[in-house]
N, C-alpha and C. Protein backbone atom coordinates (compact mmCIF):
# COMPACT_ATOMS: atom_id res chain seq x y z
N MET A 1 144.88 -10.13 11.27
CA MET A 1 145.81 -9.41 10.36
C MET A 1 145.01 -8.51 9.45
N ALA A 2 145.69 -7.50 9.02
CA ALA A 2 145.04 -6.56 8.17
C ALA A 2 145.83 -6.34 6.85
N ALA A 3 145.38 -5.43 6.03
CA ALA A 3 146.05 -5.15 4.79
C ALA A 3 147.51 -4.75 4.93
N GLY A 4 147.90 -4.20 6.10
CA GLY A 4 149.28 -3.86 6.37
C GLY A 4 150.19 -5.07 6.39
N VAL A 5 149.67 -6.28 6.53
CA VAL A 5 150.47 -7.49 6.40
C VAL A 5 150.18 -8.14 5.09
N TYR A 6 148.91 -8.31 4.68
CA TYR A 6 148.61 -9.00 3.39
C TYR A 6 149.12 -8.38 2.20
N VAL A 7 148.95 -7.05 2.05
CA VAL A 7 149.34 -6.38 0.77
C VAL A 7 150.87 -6.49 0.58
N PRO A 8 151.77 -6.11 1.53
CA PRO A 8 153.18 -6.30 1.33
C PRO A 8 153.63 -7.76 1.09
N THR A 9 152.96 -8.65 1.78
CA THR A 9 153.32 -10.07 1.60
C THR A 9 152.87 -10.51 0.18
N LEU A 10 151.72 -10.16 -0.22
CA LEU A 10 151.29 -10.59 -1.60
C LEU A 10 152.20 -9.93 -2.67
N ALA A 11 152.53 -8.67 -2.46
CA ALA A 11 153.37 -7.98 -3.46
C ALA A 11 154.75 -8.73 -3.56
N LYS A 12 155.34 -9.06 -2.40
CA LYS A 12 156.65 -9.74 -2.38
C LYS A 12 156.46 -11.13 -3.07
N GLU A 13 155.45 -11.84 -2.80
CA GLU A 13 155.30 -13.19 -3.43
C GLU A 13 155.07 -13.01 -4.95
N LEU A 14 154.37 -12.03 -5.35
CA LEU A 14 154.20 -11.78 -6.80
C LEU A 14 155.53 -11.50 -7.49
N LEU A 15 156.31 -10.66 -6.89
CA LEU A 15 157.63 -10.25 -7.48
C LEU A 15 158.60 -11.40 -7.42
N ASP A 16 158.60 -12.17 -6.36
CA ASP A 16 159.57 -13.24 -6.17
C ASP A 16 159.24 -14.48 -7.03
N ASN A 17 157.99 -14.72 -7.31
CA ASN A 17 157.60 -16.00 -7.95
C ASN A 17 156.91 -15.89 -9.27
N ALA A 18 156.87 -14.73 -9.82
CA ALA A 18 156.25 -14.50 -11.13
C ALA A 18 157.14 -15.10 -12.24
N LYS A 19 156.47 -15.82 -13.17
CA LYS A 19 157.20 -16.35 -14.32
C LYS A 19 157.57 -15.26 -15.32
N ASP A 20 156.66 -14.29 -15.42
CA ASP A 20 156.90 -13.13 -16.30
C ASP A 20 157.01 -11.87 -15.51
N THR A 21 157.28 -10.78 -16.13
CA THR A 21 157.38 -9.50 -15.42
C THR A 21 156.02 -9.12 -14.94
N VAL A 22 155.91 -8.67 -13.71
CA VAL A 22 154.69 -8.18 -13.11
C VAL A 22 154.71 -6.63 -13.17
N PRO A 23 153.70 -6.02 -13.73
CA PRO A 23 153.73 -4.50 -13.83
C PRO A 23 153.34 -3.86 -12.50
N LEU A 24 153.99 -4.24 -11.44
CA LEU A 24 153.73 -3.66 -10.15
C LEU A 24 154.62 -2.47 -9.92
N LYS A 25 154.09 -1.30 -9.77
CA LYS A 25 154.86 -0.06 -9.58
C LYS A 25 155.15 0.25 -8.12
N GLY A 26 154.25 -0.24 -7.25
CA GLY A 26 154.41 0.00 -5.87
C GLY A 26 153.14 -0.48 -5.11
N ILE A 27 153.13 -0.27 -3.79
CA ILE A 27 151.97 -0.57 -2.96
C ILE A 27 151.72 0.54 -2.03
N ALA A 28 150.54 0.66 -1.56
CA ALA A 28 150.16 1.66 -0.59
C ALA A 28 149.31 1.07 0.54
N VAL A 29 149.76 1.17 1.75
CA VAL A 29 149.00 0.82 2.91
C VAL A 29 149.14 1.87 3.96
N GLY A 30 148.12 2.03 4.74
CA GLY A 30 148.18 3.15 5.71
C GLY A 30 149.04 2.90 6.95
N ASP A 31 149.03 1.65 7.44
CA ASP A 31 149.78 1.41 8.62
C ASP A 31 150.43 -0.02 8.50
N PRO A 32 151.45 -0.14 7.68
CA PRO A 32 152.02 -1.41 7.30
C PRO A 32 152.84 -2.09 8.40
N CYS A 33 152.84 -3.37 8.46
CA CYS A 33 153.78 -4.16 9.26
C CYS A 33 154.53 -4.97 8.31
N THR A 34 155.61 -4.48 7.83
CA THR A 34 156.38 -5.18 6.73
C THR A 34 157.56 -5.97 7.22
N ASP A 35 158.02 -5.70 8.47
CA ASP A 35 159.23 -6.41 8.97
C ASP A 35 159.25 -6.27 10.43
N ASN A 36 158.90 -7.31 11.18
CA ASN A 36 158.86 -7.26 12.62
C ASN A 36 160.19 -6.92 13.26
N VAL A 37 161.30 -7.45 12.66
CA VAL A 37 162.63 -7.17 13.21
C VAL A 37 162.99 -5.65 13.06
N ALA A 38 162.77 -5.17 11.85
CA ALA A 38 163.10 -3.76 11.61
C ALA A 38 162.14 -2.83 12.38
N GLN A 39 160.92 -3.27 12.63
CA GLN A 39 159.93 -2.41 13.33
C GLN A 39 159.81 -2.78 14.77
N SER A 40 160.70 -3.49 15.43
CA SER A 40 160.56 -3.95 16.78
C SER A 40 160.43 -2.80 17.74
N ASP A 41 161.10 -1.67 17.55
CA ASP A 41 160.95 -0.47 18.42
C ASP A 41 159.52 -0.01 18.43
N SER A 42 158.81 -0.08 17.32
CA SER A 42 157.47 0.44 17.28
C SER A 42 156.48 -0.38 18.13
N MET A 43 156.92 -1.63 18.63
CA MET A 43 156.10 -2.38 19.53
C MET A 43 156.49 -2.20 20.92
N ASP A 44 157.22 -1.12 21.19
CA ASP A 44 157.75 -0.85 22.56
C ASP A 44 156.88 0.32 23.09
N GLY A 45 156.32 0.12 24.30
CA GLY A 45 155.50 1.21 24.92
C GLY A 45 156.24 2.51 25.12
N LEU A 46 157.48 2.39 25.53
CA LEU A 46 158.29 3.60 25.74
C LEU A 46 158.50 4.39 24.43
N TRP A 47 158.92 3.68 23.39
CA TRP A 47 159.13 4.27 22.09
C TRP A 47 157.84 4.85 21.50
N TYR A 48 156.73 4.07 21.63
CA TYR A 48 155.44 4.51 21.17
C TYR A 48 154.93 5.73 21.90
N GLY A 49 155.12 5.69 23.25
CA GLY A 49 154.71 6.89 24.06
C GLY A 49 155.42 8.12 23.64
N HIS A 50 156.69 8.04 23.37
CA HIS A 50 157.47 9.25 22.91
C HIS A 50 157.01 9.67 21.56
N LYS A 51 156.85 8.74 20.63
CA LYS A 51 156.38 9.07 19.29
C LYS A 51 155.02 9.86 19.32
N MET A 52 154.15 9.41 20.19
CA MET A 52 152.82 10.02 20.33
C MET A 52 152.77 11.26 21.24
N GLY A 53 153.96 11.67 21.72
CA GLY A 53 153.97 12.86 22.51
C GLY A 53 153.61 12.72 23.97
N LEU A 54 153.47 11.48 24.45
CA LEU A 54 153.10 11.21 25.85
C LEU A 54 154.28 11.06 26.76
N VAL A 55 155.45 10.84 26.24
CA VAL A 55 156.63 10.74 27.01
C VAL A 55 157.60 11.86 26.50
N PRO A 56 157.88 12.83 27.37
CA PRO A 56 158.69 13.97 26.92
C PRO A 56 160.04 13.60 26.45
N ASP A 57 160.66 14.42 25.57
CA ASP A 57 161.93 14.16 24.95
C ASP A 57 163.05 13.80 26.01
N GLN A 58 163.06 14.66 27.07
CA GLN A 58 164.13 14.50 28.06
C GLN A 58 164.00 13.15 28.77
N LEU A 59 162.77 12.75 29.18
CA LEU A 59 162.54 11.49 29.84
C LEU A 59 162.87 10.29 28.93
N PHE A 60 162.42 10.41 27.65
CA PHE A 60 162.68 9.35 26.70
C PHE A 60 164.16 9.18 26.47
N ASP A 61 164.88 10.29 26.28
CA ASP A 61 166.31 10.24 26.05
C ASP A 61 167.04 9.57 27.21
N LEU A 62 166.68 9.96 28.42
CA LEU A 62 167.28 9.37 29.60
C LEU A 62 167.01 7.87 29.65
N LEU A 63 165.71 7.45 29.51
CA LEU A 63 165.35 6.02 29.69
C LEU A 63 165.95 5.16 28.52
N TRP A 64 165.73 5.64 27.33
CA TRP A 64 166.08 4.94 26.10
C TRP A 64 167.58 4.81 25.89
N ASN A 65 168.28 5.97 25.99
CA ASN A 65 169.72 6.01 25.66
C ASN A 65 170.64 5.81 26.80
N LYS A 66 170.31 6.41 27.95
CA LYS A 66 171.26 6.31 29.06
C LYS A 66 170.97 5.12 29.97
N CYS A 67 169.67 4.82 30.20
CA CYS A 67 169.30 3.74 31.12
C CYS A 67 169.10 2.41 30.40
N GLY A 68 168.91 2.41 29.08
CA GLY A 68 168.75 1.15 28.37
C GLY A 68 167.36 0.56 28.64
N ALA A 69 166.37 1.35 28.98
CA ALA A 69 165.06 0.84 29.29
C ALA A 69 164.31 0.48 28.04
N ARG A 70 163.46 -0.54 28.10
CA ARG A 70 162.54 -0.92 27.02
C ARG A 70 161.23 -1.39 27.72
N ALA A 71 160.16 -1.28 26.99
CA ALA A 71 158.89 -1.70 27.50
C ALA A 71 158.06 -2.36 26.42
N PRO A 72 158.56 -3.55 25.91
CA PRO A 72 157.87 -4.20 24.77
C PRO A 72 156.50 -4.69 25.24
N ASN A 73 155.52 -4.62 24.27
CA ASN A 73 154.27 -5.16 24.59
C ASN A 73 154.22 -6.71 24.53
N GLU A 74 153.23 -7.31 25.06
CA GLU A 74 153.08 -8.74 25.08
C GLU A 74 153.20 -9.40 23.72
N VAL A 75 152.58 -8.83 22.78
CA VAL A 75 152.60 -9.41 21.39
C VAL A 75 154.04 -9.35 20.84
N ALA A 76 154.70 -8.28 21.05
CA ALA A 76 156.10 -8.17 20.57
C ALA A 76 156.99 -9.22 21.19
N LEU A 77 156.63 -9.65 22.37
CA LEU A 77 157.43 -10.68 23.09
C LEU A 77 156.94 -12.12 22.70
N GLY A 78 156.00 -12.17 21.75
CA GLY A 78 155.44 -13.50 21.36
C GLY A 78 154.37 -14.01 22.33
N GLY A 79 153.79 -13.09 23.09
CA GLY A 79 152.81 -13.51 24.06
C GLY A 79 151.45 -13.73 23.52
N SER A 80 150.50 -13.82 24.37
CA SER A 80 149.15 -14.17 24.03
C SER A 80 148.45 -12.97 23.38
N SER A 81 147.32 -13.36 22.68
CA SER A 81 146.53 -12.29 22.08
C SER A 81 145.66 -11.59 23.12
N LEU A 82 145.06 -10.58 22.76
CA LEU A 82 144.13 -9.82 23.68
C LEU A 82 142.99 -10.71 24.09
N ARG A 83 142.47 -11.57 23.21
CA ARG A 83 141.45 -12.52 23.60
C ARG A 83 141.91 -13.48 24.70
N ASP A 84 143.14 -13.96 24.53
CA ASP A 84 143.67 -14.90 25.54
C ASP A 84 143.87 -14.15 26.87
N LYS A 85 144.33 -12.89 26.83
CA LYS A 85 144.47 -12.10 28.02
C LYS A 85 143.07 -11.93 28.72
N ARG A 86 142.06 -11.63 27.98
CA ARG A 86 140.75 -11.49 28.57
C ARG A 86 140.32 -12.74 29.26
N ASN A 87 140.51 -13.88 28.56
CA ASN A 87 140.12 -15.19 29.13
C ASN A 87 140.90 -15.44 30.37
N LYS A 88 142.17 -15.17 30.39
CA LYS A 88 143.00 -15.39 31.62
C LYS A 88 142.52 -14.48 32.74
N SER A 89 142.17 -13.21 32.38
CA SER A 89 141.68 -12.28 33.40
C SER A 89 140.38 -12.79 33.99
N ALA A 90 139.51 -13.30 33.13
CA ALA A 90 138.23 -13.82 33.60
C ALA A 90 138.44 -15.03 34.57
N ARG A 91 139.57 -15.77 34.36
CA ARG A 91 139.84 -16.89 35.23
C ARG A 91 140.54 -16.47 36.50
N GLY A 92 140.85 -15.19 36.62
CA GLY A 92 141.48 -14.71 37.81
C GLY A 92 143.00 -14.55 37.66
N GLY A 93 143.53 -14.73 36.46
CA GLY A 93 144.96 -14.56 36.29
C GLY A 93 145.36 -13.10 36.33
N ASN A 94 146.49 -12.77 36.82
CA ASN A 94 146.94 -11.39 36.95
C ASN A 94 148.31 -11.25 36.48
N LYS A 95 148.58 -10.66 35.29
CA LYS A 95 149.88 -10.50 34.76
C LYS A 95 150.44 -9.14 35.23
N LYS A 96 151.62 -9.03 35.71
CA LYS A 96 152.18 -7.74 36.07
C LYS A 96 153.02 -7.22 34.93
N MET A 97 153.17 -5.84 34.91
CA MET A 97 153.95 -5.20 33.92
C MET A 97 155.39 -5.79 33.96
N ARG A 98 155.89 -6.05 32.80
CA ARG A 98 157.31 -6.57 32.76
C ARG A 98 158.24 -5.48 33.13
N GLY A 99 159.37 -5.86 33.54
CA GLY A 99 160.44 -4.87 33.93
C GLY A 99 160.95 -4.06 32.80
N PRO A 100 161.92 -3.18 33.02
CA PRO A 100 162.41 -2.27 31.97
C PRO A 100 163.42 -2.94 31.02
N GLY A 101 163.58 -4.23 31.00
CA GLY A 101 164.45 -4.89 30.05
C GLY A 101 165.75 -5.33 30.57
N PRO A 102 166.43 -6.31 29.95
CA PRO A 102 167.62 -6.85 30.47
C PRO A 102 168.82 -5.94 30.41
N ASN A 103 168.81 -4.87 29.57
CA ASN A 103 169.94 -3.97 29.57
C ASN A 103 169.73 -2.74 30.38
N PHE A 104 168.69 -2.73 31.22
CA PHE A 104 168.40 -1.54 32.10
C PHE A 104 169.49 -1.36 33.13
N LYS A 105 169.96 -0.17 33.32
CA LYS A 105 170.90 0.18 34.30
C LYS A 105 170.15 0.68 35.57
N PRO A 106 170.16 -0.10 36.64
CA PRO A 106 169.27 0.25 37.79
C PRO A 106 169.78 1.28 38.73
N THR A 107 170.21 2.43 38.16
CA THR A 107 170.68 3.54 39.04
C THR A 107 169.42 4.20 39.62
N PRO A 108 169.60 4.92 40.74
CA PRO A 108 168.44 5.60 41.33
C PRO A 108 167.70 6.55 40.31
N GLU A 109 168.49 7.21 39.50
CA GLU A 109 167.87 8.13 38.47
C GLU A 109 167.09 7.31 37.48
N CYS A 110 167.64 6.22 36.99
CA CYS A 110 166.89 5.40 36.00
C CYS A 110 165.67 4.75 36.61
N LYS A 111 165.75 4.23 37.87
CA LYS A 111 164.61 3.63 38.50
C LYS A 111 163.45 4.69 38.66
N ALA A 112 163.83 5.90 39.10
CA ALA A 112 162.84 6.95 39.27
C ALA A 112 162.19 7.33 37.92
N ALA A 113 163.02 7.44 36.89
CA ALA A 113 162.49 7.79 35.55
C ALA A 113 161.56 6.69 34.99
N PHE A 114 161.91 5.42 35.21
CA PHE A 114 161.04 4.40 34.73
C PHE A 114 159.72 4.35 35.49
N ARG A 115 159.79 4.58 36.79
CA ARG A 115 158.52 4.72 37.56
C ARG A 115 157.62 5.85 37.03
N LYS A 116 158.30 6.96 36.73
CA LYS A 116 157.52 8.08 36.16
C LYS A 116 156.88 7.72 34.84
N PHE A 117 157.56 6.99 34.03
CA PHE A 117 156.96 6.50 32.75
C PHE A 117 155.76 5.60 33.04
N LEU A 118 155.95 4.63 33.98
CA LEU A 118 154.84 3.71 34.33
C LEU A 118 153.60 4.50 34.82
N VAL A 119 153.83 5.43 35.72
CA VAL A 119 152.73 6.16 36.30
C VAL A 119 151.99 7.07 35.23
N SER A 120 152.79 7.69 34.39
CA SER A 120 152.21 8.64 33.44
C SER A 120 151.59 7.86 32.22
N THR A 121 151.78 6.57 32.10
CA THR A 121 151.27 5.89 30.91
C THR A 121 150.37 4.69 31.35
N SER A 122 149.93 4.69 32.55
CA SER A 122 149.11 3.57 33.07
C SER A 122 149.79 2.21 32.87
N LYS A 123 150.92 2.04 33.53
CA LYS A 123 151.74 0.89 33.42
C LYS A 123 152.20 0.57 32.03
N GLY A 124 152.68 1.56 31.33
CA GLY A 124 153.12 1.34 29.93
C GLY A 124 152.03 0.96 28.95
N PHE A 125 150.95 1.72 29.02
CA PHE A 125 149.82 1.51 28.14
C PHE A 125 149.11 0.21 28.35
N SER A 126 149.01 -0.28 29.61
CA SER A 126 148.35 -1.49 29.94
C SER A 126 146.89 -1.47 29.57
N GLN A 127 146.40 -2.58 29.11
CA GLN A 127 144.93 -2.69 28.78
C GLN A 127 144.26 -3.42 29.95
N GLU A 128 144.99 -3.73 31.02
CA GLU A 128 144.41 -4.53 32.09
C GLU A 128 143.95 -3.64 33.20
N TRP A 129 142.99 -4.12 34.00
CA TRP A 129 142.53 -3.43 35.15
C TRP A 129 142.46 -4.44 36.27
N ASP A 130 143.32 -4.29 37.25
CA ASP A 130 143.46 -5.34 38.30
C ASP A 130 142.29 -5.45 39.23
N ARG A 131 141.48 -4.40 39.36
CA ARG A 131 140.38 -4.39 40.30
C ARG A 131 139.08 -4.35 39.57
């Protein structure tokens, strides 16, 4: 964890539990993680790819809004850490990219668009190398 978790958490604890007034005017962190529920989209490879300009507007709109596609990363799904992934990989484990989510509409257009996303982002920004 980094300051993006500790600073907001500490500030909230100070404000919630102080016996007297705390002269806290605000906090500043560069890349905060203040609410996993509110920030869940930011842990999605499709959303992230669009934000960073790697998934064009038209493709993102089709996948996100019309097809209902999502590409959450392992951590967002409560999965293992990168260290655990490396250890599993060293033992010969091979995790495949998760599908486009439970609300995905499997029309031919949506399937083709999701495949385009996977190809253009190395399986949704995968950190794994199968070979």
